[in-house]
Protein backbone atom coordinates (compact mmCIF):
# COMPACT_ATOMS: atom_id res chain seq x y z
CA MET A 1 -8.66 -10.17 -44.01
CA LYS A 2 -6.15 -12.93 -43.35
CA ALA A 3 -3.10 -11.09 -44.68
CA LEU A 4 -2.03 -7.53 -45.39
CA LEU A 5 -0.48 -5.78 -48.36
CA LEU A 6 0.90 -2.37 -47.41
CA ASP A 7 1.96 0.63 -49.42
CA SER A 8 5.18 2.17 -48.14
CA GLY A 9 5.25 5.91 -48.86
CA GLY A 10 2.42 7.66 -47.02
CA VAL A 11 1.50 4.58 -44.98
CA LEU A 12 4.67 3.21 -43.40
CA VAL A 13 7.11 5.97 -44.25
CA ARG A 14 6.48 9.72 -44.35
CA PRO A 15 8.36 12.42 -46.25
CA ASP A 16 10.65 14.75 -44.32
CA GLY A 17 8.49 17.85 -43.94
CA ALA A 18 11.32 19.90 -42.45
CA LEU A 19 13.49 19.18 -45.49
CA ILE A 20 10.69 20.17 -47.88
CA ALA A 21 9.95 23.36 -45.91
CA ALA A 22 13.65 24.31 -45.92
CA LYS A 23 13.92 23.78 -49.68
CA ALA A 24 10.72 25.79 -50.15
CA ALA A 25 12.10 28.69 -48.13
CA GLU A 26 15.14 28.86 -50.42
CA ILE A 27 12.92 29.79 -53.36
CA GLY A 28 10.48 32.04 -51.53
CA ILE A 29 7.72 29.68 -50.37
CA THR A 30 6.75 29.96 -46.71
CA VAL A 31 5.27 26.68 -45.46
CA SER A 32 5.45 24.77 -42.19
CA SER A 33 6.83 21.25 -42.18
CA ALA A 34 3.43 19.91 -41.11
CA LEU A 35 1.59 21.66 -43.95
CA ALA A 36 4.25 20.60 -46.45
CA VAL A 37 3.40 16.97 -45.69
CA ALA A 38 -0.37 17.43 -45.29
CA ALA A 39 -0.46 19.18 -48.66
CA ILE A 40 0.97 16.05 -50.30
CA HIS A 41 -2.00 14.01 -49.06
CA ARG A 42 -4.49 16.71 -50.07
CA ALA A 43 -2.89 17.04 -53.51
CA ASP A 44 -3.04 13.27 -54.04
CA ARG A 45 -6.71 13.28 -53.01
CA ASN A 46 -7.51 16.12 -55.42
CA ARG A 47 -5.85 14.23 -58.25
CA ASP A 48 -7.67 11.02 -57.27
CA VAL A 49 -11.19 12.43 -57.27
CA GLY A 50 -10.84 15.58 -59.39
CA PRO A 51 -11.17 16.00 -63.16
CA SER A 52 -8.55 14.36 -65.36
CA ASP A 53 -7.10 17.67 -66.52
CA GLY A 54 -3.45 16.68 -66.75
CA ARG A 55 -2.30 19.15 -64.09
CA PRO A 56 1.00 18.23 -62.44
CA PHE A 57 1.19 17.20 -58.81
CA ALA A 58 3.04 20.44 -58.00
CA ALA A 59 0.05 22.53 -59.09
CA TYR A 60 -2.27 20.65 -56.75
CA TRP A 61 0.27 21.02 -53.95
CA ALA A 62 0.51 24.77 -54.63
CA ASP A 63 -3.28 25.12 -54.35
CA VAL A 64 -3.20 23.67 -50.84
CA VAL A 65 -0.17 25.63 -49.67
CA GLY A 66 -1.32 28.86 -51.30
CA CYS A 67 1.80 29.62 -53.31
CA PRO A 68 2.31 30.39 -57.02
CA HIS A 69 2.22 27.32 -59.22
CA ARG A 70 5.52 28.26 -60.89
CA LEU A 71 7.30 28.22 -57.53
CA ALA A 72 5.80 24.86 -56.57
CA VAL A 73 6.84 23.38 -59.91
CA ARG A 74 10.37 24.67 -59.32
CA LEU A 75 10.39 23.33 -55.76
CA TRP A 76 9.32 19.81 -56.64
CA THR A 77 11.56 19.70 -59.70
CA GLU A 78 14.52 20.55 -57.46
CA VAL A 79 13.45 18.22 -54.65
CA LEU A 80 13.06 15.24 -56.96
CA ALA A 81 16.33 16.02 -58.74
CA ASP A 82 18.49 16.88 -55.73
CA VAL A 83 17.13 14.84 -52.81
CA PRO A 84 17.61 11.06 -52.88
CA PRO A 85 14.38 9.16 -52.08
CA ILE A 86 16.08 7.66 -49.03
CA ARG A 87 16.41 11.19 -47.59
CA LEU A 88 13.01 12.46 -48.71
CA TRP A 89 11.08 9.43 -47.41
CA SER A 90 12.92 9.04 -44.12
CA ILE A 91 10.37 9.39 -41.29
CA ALA A 92 8.76 6.29 -39.80
CA ASN A 93 5.01 6.83 -39.39
CA PRO A 94 4.38 6.48 -35.62
CA ASP A 95 0.91 5.07 -36.33
CA ALA A 96 2.48 2.35 -38.48
CA VAL A 97 5.07 1.54 -35.81
CA ARG A 98 2.31 1.04 -33.24
CA PHE A 99 0.13 -0.93 -35.63
CA LEU A 100 2.79 -3.35 -36.84
CA GLY A 101 4.18 -3.74 -33.34
CA GLN A 102 0.80 -4.72 -31.92
CA LEU A 103 -0.46 -6.74 -34.89
CA ASP A 104 -0.48 -10.50 -34.29
CA ARG A 105 2.76 -11.81 -35.81
CA ALA A 106 0.79 -14.72 -37.25
CA VAL A 107 -0.86 -12.27 -39.69
CA PRO A 108 1.32 -12.15 -42.85
CA ARG A 109 2.21 -8.66 -44.07
CA TYR A 110 3.99 -7.65 -47.29
CA VAL A 111 4.94 -4.26 -48.70
CA VAL A 112 3.87 -3.53 -52.28
CA THR A 113 5.17 -0.16 -53.40
CA ASN A 114 5.99 1.99 -56.40
CA SER A 115 9.50 3.15 -55.57
CA GLU A 116 12.78 4.22 -57.13
CA GLY A 117 14.39 0.97 -56.00
CA ASP A 118 15.05 2.23 -52.47
CA ALA A 119 12.09 0.72 -50.61
CA HIS A 120 14.11 -1.95 -48.78
CA HIS A 121 16.68 0.63 -47.67
CA GLU A 122 14.06 3.19 -46.61
CA LEU A 123 12.28 0.66 -44.45
CA ARG A 124 15.52 -0.56 -42.88
CA GLU A 125 16.64 2.99 -42.09
CA CYS A 126 13.27 3.70 -40.45
CA GLY A 127 13.40 0.52 -38.38
CA LEU A 128 10.35 -0.99 -40.08
CA ARG A 129 11.88 -3.70 -42.28
CA THR A 130 11.87 -6.31 -39.51
CA LEU A 131 8.15 -5.69 -38.93
CA VAL A 132 7.12 -6.90 -42.41
CA ASP A 133 7.66 -10.25 -44.12
CA GLY A 134 8.85 -8.93 -47.46
CA VAL A 135 8.99 -6.02 -49.90
CA LEU A 136 8.09 -5.82 -53.58
CA ASP A 137 9.58 -2.69 -55.19
CA SER A 138 8.24 -1.67 -58.61
CA THR A 139 11.64 -0.60 -59.93
CA GLN A 140 13.20 -3.93 -59.05
CA LEU A 141 10.27 -5.86 -60.53
CA GLY A 142 9.89 -3.81 -63.71
CA ILE A 143 6.13 -3.42 -63.16
CA CYS A 144 4.22 -0.97 -61.00
CA LYS A 145 0.87 -0.56 -59.28
CA PRO A 146 -1.93 -0.89 -60.09
CA ASP A 147 -0.67 -3.85 -62.13
CA PRO A 148 -2.40 -6.79 -60.39
CA ARG A 149 0.67 -8.98 -60.88
CA MET A 150 2.45 -7.17 -58.05
CA PHE A 151 -0.40 -7.97 -55.68
CA GLN A 152 -0.61 -11.56 -56.90
CA MET A 153 3.14 -12.05 -56.32
CA ALA A 154 2.86 -10.79 -52.75
CA ALA A 155 -0.16 -13.01 -52.03
CA HIS A 156 1.72 -16.00 -53.46
CA ALA A 157 4.74 -15.21 -51.28
CA MET A 158 2.47 -15.17 -48.21
CA ARG A 159 0.73 -18.37 -49.37
CA VAL A 160 -2.74 -16.85 -49.22
CA ALA A 161 -5.41 -16.12 -51.80
CA LEU A 162 -5.48 -12.53 -53.06
CA ASP A 163 -9.12 -12.15 -52.07
CA ASP A 164 -8.11 -12.93 -48.48
CA CYS A 165 -5.76 -9.93 -48.49
CA GLY A 166 -6.41 -6.37 -47.44
CA TYR A 167 -4.41 -3.72 -49.26
CA ILE A 168 -3.70 -0.58 -47.22
CA SER A 169 -2.72 2.55 -49.14
CA ASP A 170 -3.22 6.28 -48.84
CA THR A 171 -4.44 6.76 -52.42
CA LEU A 172 -6.94 5.09 -54.76
CA ASP A 173 -4.31 2.90 -56.44
CA ALA A 174 -5.66 -0.61 -55.96
CA PRO A 175 -6.14 -2.71 -59.11
CA SER A 176 -9.73 -2.92 -60.25
CA ASP A 177 -11.41 -6.34 -60.31
CA ALA A 178 -8.36 -8.13 -58.87
CA GLY A 179 -10.13 -9.33 -55.74
CA VAL A 180 -7.95 -7.53 -53.22
CA ARG A 181 -9.86 -5.68 -50.47
CA HIS A 182 -8.78 -2.04 -50.46
CA VAL A 183 -8.45 -0.18 -47.16
CA LEU A 184 -7.92 3.56 -47.69
CA TYR A 185 -5.63 5.01 -45.02
CA ASP A 186 -6.65 8.67 -44.72
CA PRO A 187 -4.65 10.12 -41.79
CA PHE A 188 -5.51 13.73 -42.67
CA ASP A 189 -9.21 12.91 -43.26
CA VAL A 190 -9.08 14.45 -46.75
CA TYR A 191 -11.48 11.91 -48.29
CA ARG A 192 -14.10 12.40 -45.58
CA ALA A 193 -16.69 14.13 -47.75
CA ASP A 194 -16.22 11.87 -50.78
CA ARG A 195 -18.94 9.35 -51.54
CA GLY A 196 -18.77 6.17 -53.55
CA LEU A 197 -15.06 5.60 -53.13
CA PRO A 198 -13.89 2.25 -54.58
CA VAL A 199 -12.64 1.01 -51.21
CA GLU A 200 -13.90 -1.46 -48.63
CA LEU A 201 -12.90 0.60 -45.59
CA ARG A 202 -11.62 4.13 -44.94
CA ILE A 203 -9.62 4.61 -41.78
CA THR A 204 -7.78 7.56 -40.27
CA ARG A 205 -5.59 5.44 -37.98
CA LEU A 206 -4.02 2.10 -38.77
CA THR A 207 -4.62 0.99 -35.20
CA GLN A 208 -8.37 1.05 -35.94
CA LEU A 209 -7.80 -2.35 -37.54
CA LEU A 210 -6.53 -3.93 -34.33
CA PRO A 211 -8.92 -6.09 -32.29
CA ALA A 212 -8.08 -4.12 -29.13
CA SER A 213 -8.90 -0.74 -30.72
CA GLY A 214 -12.53 -0.77 -29.58
CA SER A 215 -13.65 0.64 -32.95
CA ALA A 216 -16.30 -0.68 -35.29
CA LEU A 217 -13.48 -2.05 -37.44
CA ALA A 218 -11.94 -4.09 -34.64
CA GLY A 219 -11.04 -7.59 -35.76
CA ALA A 220 -10.97 -6.64 -39.45
CA VAL A 221 -7.47 -8.12 -39.75
CA GLY A 222 -6.94 -11.80 -39.11
CA ALA A 223 -10.58 -12.73 -39.51
């Protein structure tokens, strides 16, 4: 992989678990800040690989947390209505900070994200904007992932071929048959037991991609 495309939410920036836990407590859900965030990853995984039954994200989240579905639906309705994305997604992922800080600056890196138009601001507030070369925000573009045009635009901006790019995301949202090499970032190891995932690599730490990591994936970026 000669260049990197990176998702923002879940990879570079994490949601504020303490904020979610506090909002949950207001309506009678007891959940730790750590579980509030981990449940988001588990819920996304269950939607990715589970049956297409049309259940809302909140129901999957409730299953993980162990609370009534009606309360989870109320919680996430209120969170999404009352909490600006810049406040909800406001925690820099320490793994991403280490990874981008140690990654050879000669390796191009671009953010490709489905966002409410706040991706640039979120990354600046978290101190990560200077560590990437550019940001493509779905709301600003008028198209969203997995539309391959977003990935093609980022590759063009980095002056590399799309099939030389690795796309790092925490869900199975890469475009099919677009040529991009999908790296699934699975920090909570929720996809561990799944077989036949449409990804090239599955990692639990971004730093596994660094040449100095000593892992079997060392040197995957920049080769």
